[in-house]
Amino acid sequence: CVMSEYESSQLSGSSSASGQQQESSVLSQGGQASTSSQLGTDSSSASGQQQESSVLSQSGQASTSSQLGADSSSASGQQQESSVLSQSGQASTSSQLGADSSSASGQQQESSVLSQSGQASTSSQLGADSSSASGQQQESSVLSQSGQASTSSQLG
């Protein structure tokens, strides 16, 4: 039984980054499980960024934070999939794609939160303060048996 597992990855200040893939999974039975990923911050001409992060926690806190292509120009084909499964405690999923970006096309975000007890919160923001954004899709689903379920979405 491991109390805490932490994985942090950061790719920042890169230009013409293509085909970046990151897969991180954290399995914790007790304690805290935290996964933080940041791809292509302040990068130009970033294409084909994919990020998949999954957190499975039986007790404690499960937090997944992902940020793709912040302050980037001409970002295309960004995909983010994040899923959090928590039996007890708090499950929080926050995703931000293409904030303050221009000519962003084909952004897709799918986030699902399954919580049996406690709080389940899903916040998504796609293409804020962006110009000429086309084909943005957002799918968010929250299933909570007891407690609070909050879903906040903001699109361009």
Protein backbone atom coordinates (compact mmCIF):
# COMPACT_ATOMS: atom_id res chain seq x y z
CA CYS A 1 0.00 0.00 0.00
CA VAL A 2 1.68 3.14 -1.20
CA MET A 3 0.64 6.39 0.50
CA SER A 4 1.45 8.84 -2.26
CA GLU A 5 2.33 8.60 -5.93
CA TYR A 6 3.23 11.67 -7.95
CA GLU A 7 4.04 12.04 -11.62
CA SER A 8 4.85 15.37 -13.19
CA SER A 9 5.76 16.02 -16.80
CA GLN A 10 6.40 19.39 -18.41
CA LEU A 11 7.30 20.23 -21.98
CA SER A 12 7.55 24.00 -22.24
CA GLY A 13 9.07 26.59 -24.52
CA SER A 14 9.22 24.41 -27.60
CA SER A 15 8.58 25.38 -31.23
CA SER A 16 7.31 23.19 -34.06
CA ALA A 17 6.51 20.29 -31.74
CA SER A 18 4.62 17.49 -33.48
CA GLY A 19 3.41 14.08 -32.47
CA GLN A 20 3.80 14.43 -28.71
CA GLN A 21 2.24 11.56 -26.81
CA GLN A 22 1.99 11.12 -23.09
CA GLU A 23 0.33 8.34 -21.18
CA SER A 24 0.31 8.36 -17.40
CA SER A 25 -1.60 6.11 -15.04
CA VAL A 26 -1.68 6.14 -11.26
CA LEU A 27 -3.12 3.31 -9.17
CA SER A 28 -3.35 4.03 -5.46
CA GLN A 29 -5.27 2.11 -2.84
CA GLY A 30 -4.77 4.57 0.01
CA GLY A 31 -3.55 8.12 0.35
CA GLN A 32 -3.27 10.69 -2.41
CA ALA A 33 -2.88 10.13 -6.14
CA SER A 34 -1.90 13.18 -8.18
CA THR A 35 -1.13 13.37 -11.90
CA SER A 36 -0.08 16.65 -13.45
CA SER A 37 0.75 16.99 -17.13
CA GLN A 38 1.59 20.01 -19.25
CA LEU A 39 2.29 19.71 -22.97
CA GLY A 40 3.43 22.38 -25.42
CA THR A 41 3.05 25.51 -23.28
CA ASP A 42 3.94 28.70 -25.19
CA SER A 43 4.64 26.71 -28.32
CA SER A 44 3.96 27.63 -31.95
CA SER A 45 2.76 25.31 -34.72
CA ALA A 46 1.99 22.43 -32.36
CA SER A 47 0.10 19.61 -34.06
CA GLY A 48 -1.11 16.19 -33.06
CA GLN A 49 -0.75 16.44 -29.31
CA GLN A 50 -2.37 13.57 -27.47
CA GLN A 51 -2.68 13.09 -23.75
CA GLU A 52 -4.29 10.25 -21.88
CA SER A 53 -4.39 10.23 -18.10
CA SER A 54 -6.30 7.93 -15.81
CA VAL A 55 -6.48 7.90 -12.03
CA LEU A 56 -7.97 5.03 -10.02
CA SER A 57 -8.24 5.66 -6.29
CA GLN A 58 -10.19 3.66 -3.75
CA SER A 59 -9.82 6.10 -0.88
CA GLY A 60 -8.50 9.62 -0.45
CA GLN A 61 -8.20 12.23 -3.17
CA ALA A 62 -7.86 11.72 -6.91
CA SER A 63 -6.92 14.79 -8.93
CA THR A 64 -6.15 15.03 -12.64
CA SER A 65 -5.10 18.32 -14.18
CA SER A 66 -4.23 18.66 -17.85
CA GLN A 67 -3.32 21.66 -19.99
CA LEU A 68 -2.67 21.38 -23.72
CA GLY A 69 -1.49 24.11 -26.06
CA ALA A 70 -1.94 27.17 -23.83
CA ASP A 71 -1.03 30.45 -25.56
CA SER A 72 -0.28 28.64 -28.78
CA SER A 73 -0.97 29.69 -32.36
CA SER A 74 -2.18 27.46 -35.21
CA ALA A 75 -2.86 24.49 -32.94
CA SER A 76 -4.75 21.70 -34.69
CA GLY A 77 -5.96 18.27 -33.76
CA GLN A 78 -5.60 18.46 -29.99
CA GLN A 79 -7.24 15.59 -28.18
CA GLN A 80 -7.59 15.07 -24.47
CA GLU A 81 -9.21 12.21 -22.64
CA SER A 82 -9.32 12.13 -18.87
CA SER A 83 -11.22 9.77 -16.64
CA VAL A 84 -11.40 9.65 -12.86
CA LEU A 85 -12.87 6.72 -10.92
CA SER A 86 -13.17 7.28 -7.18
CA GLN A 87 -15.11 5.18 -4.70
CA SER A 88 -14.79 7.56 -1.76
CA GLY A 89 -13.46 11.06 -1.24
CA GLN A 90 -13.13 13.74 -3.88
CA ALA A 91 -12.81 13.33 -7.64
CA SER A 92 -11.88 16.45 -9.59
CA THR A 93 -11.14 16.76 -13.30
CA SER A 94 -10.08 20.08 -14.79
CA SER A 95 -9.23 20.46 -18.46
CA GLN A 96 -8.27 23.47 -20.55
CA LEU A 97 -7.63 23.25 -24.28
CA GLY A 98 -6.42 26.01 -26.56
CA ALA A 99 -6.87 29.01 -24.26
CA ASP A 100 -5.96 32.33 -25.88
CA SER A 101 -5.21 30.62 -29.16
CA SER A 102 -5.92 31.77 -32.71
CA SER A 103 -7.12 29.61 -35.62
CA ALA A 104 -7.74 26.57 -33.44
CA SER A 105 -9.63 23.82 -35.25
CA GLY A 106 -10.81 20.35 -34.40
CA GLN A 107 -10.46 20.47 -30.63
CA GLN A 108 -12.08 17.55 -28.87
CA GLN A 109 -12.50 16.99 -25.17
CA GLU A 110 -14.12 14.10 -23.40
CA SER A 111 -14.27 13.98 -19.62
CA SER A 112 -16.16 11.58 -17.43
CA VAL A 113 -16.35 11.39 -13.65
CA LEU A 114 -17.77 8.41 -11.76
CA SER A 115 -18.12 8.90 -8.02
CA GLN A 116 -20.06 6.74 -5.59
CA SER A 117 -19.76 9.04 -2.58
CA GLY A 118 -18.40 12.51 -1.95
CA GLN A 119 -18.02 15.27 -4.49
CA ALA A 120 -17.71 14.99 -8.26
CA SER A 121 -16.77 18.14 -10.15
CA THR A 122 -16.04 18.52 -13.85
CA SER A 123 -14.95 21.85 -15.29
CA SER A 124 -14.13 22.29 -18.96
CA GLN A 125 -13.08 25.32 -20.98
CA LEU A 126 -12.48 25.15 -24.72
CA GLY A 127 -11.21 27.93 -26.95
CA ALA A 128 -11.63 30.88 -24.59
CA ASP A 129 -10.70 34.23 -26.13
CA SER A 130 -9.92 32.57 -29.43
CA SER A 131 -10.63 33.76 -32.97
CA SER A 132 -11.74 31.64 -35.94
CA ALA A 133 -12.36 28.58 -33.80
CA SER A 134 -14.20 25.83 -35.67
CA GLY A 135 -15.34 22.32 -34.90
CA GLN A 136 -15.11 22.41 -31.13
CA GLN A 137 -16.72 19.44 -29.43
CA GLN A 138 -17.23 18.88 -25.75
CA GLU A 139 -18.75 15.90 -24.02
CA SER A 140 -18.97 15.80 -20.24
CA SER A 141 -20.87 13.34 -18.10
CA VAL A 142 -21.13 13.16 -14.32
CA LEU A 143 -22.56 10.15 -12.48
CA SER A 144 -22.92 10.57 -8.73
CA GLN A 145 -24.89 8.38 -6.38
CA SER A 146 -24.61 10.60 -3.31
CA GLY A 147 -23.17 14.01 -2.58
CA GLN A 148 -22.69 16.87 -5.00
CA ALA A 149 -22.35 16.74 -8.77
CA SER A 150 -21.34 19.94 -10.55
CA THR A 151 -20.67 20.43 -14.24
CA SER A 152 -19.47 23.75 -15.61
CA SER A 153 -18.76 24.27 -19.29
CA GLN A 154 -17.66 27.30 -21.28
CA LEU A 155 -17.19 27.27 -25.05
CA GLY A 156 -15.68 30.10 -27.12
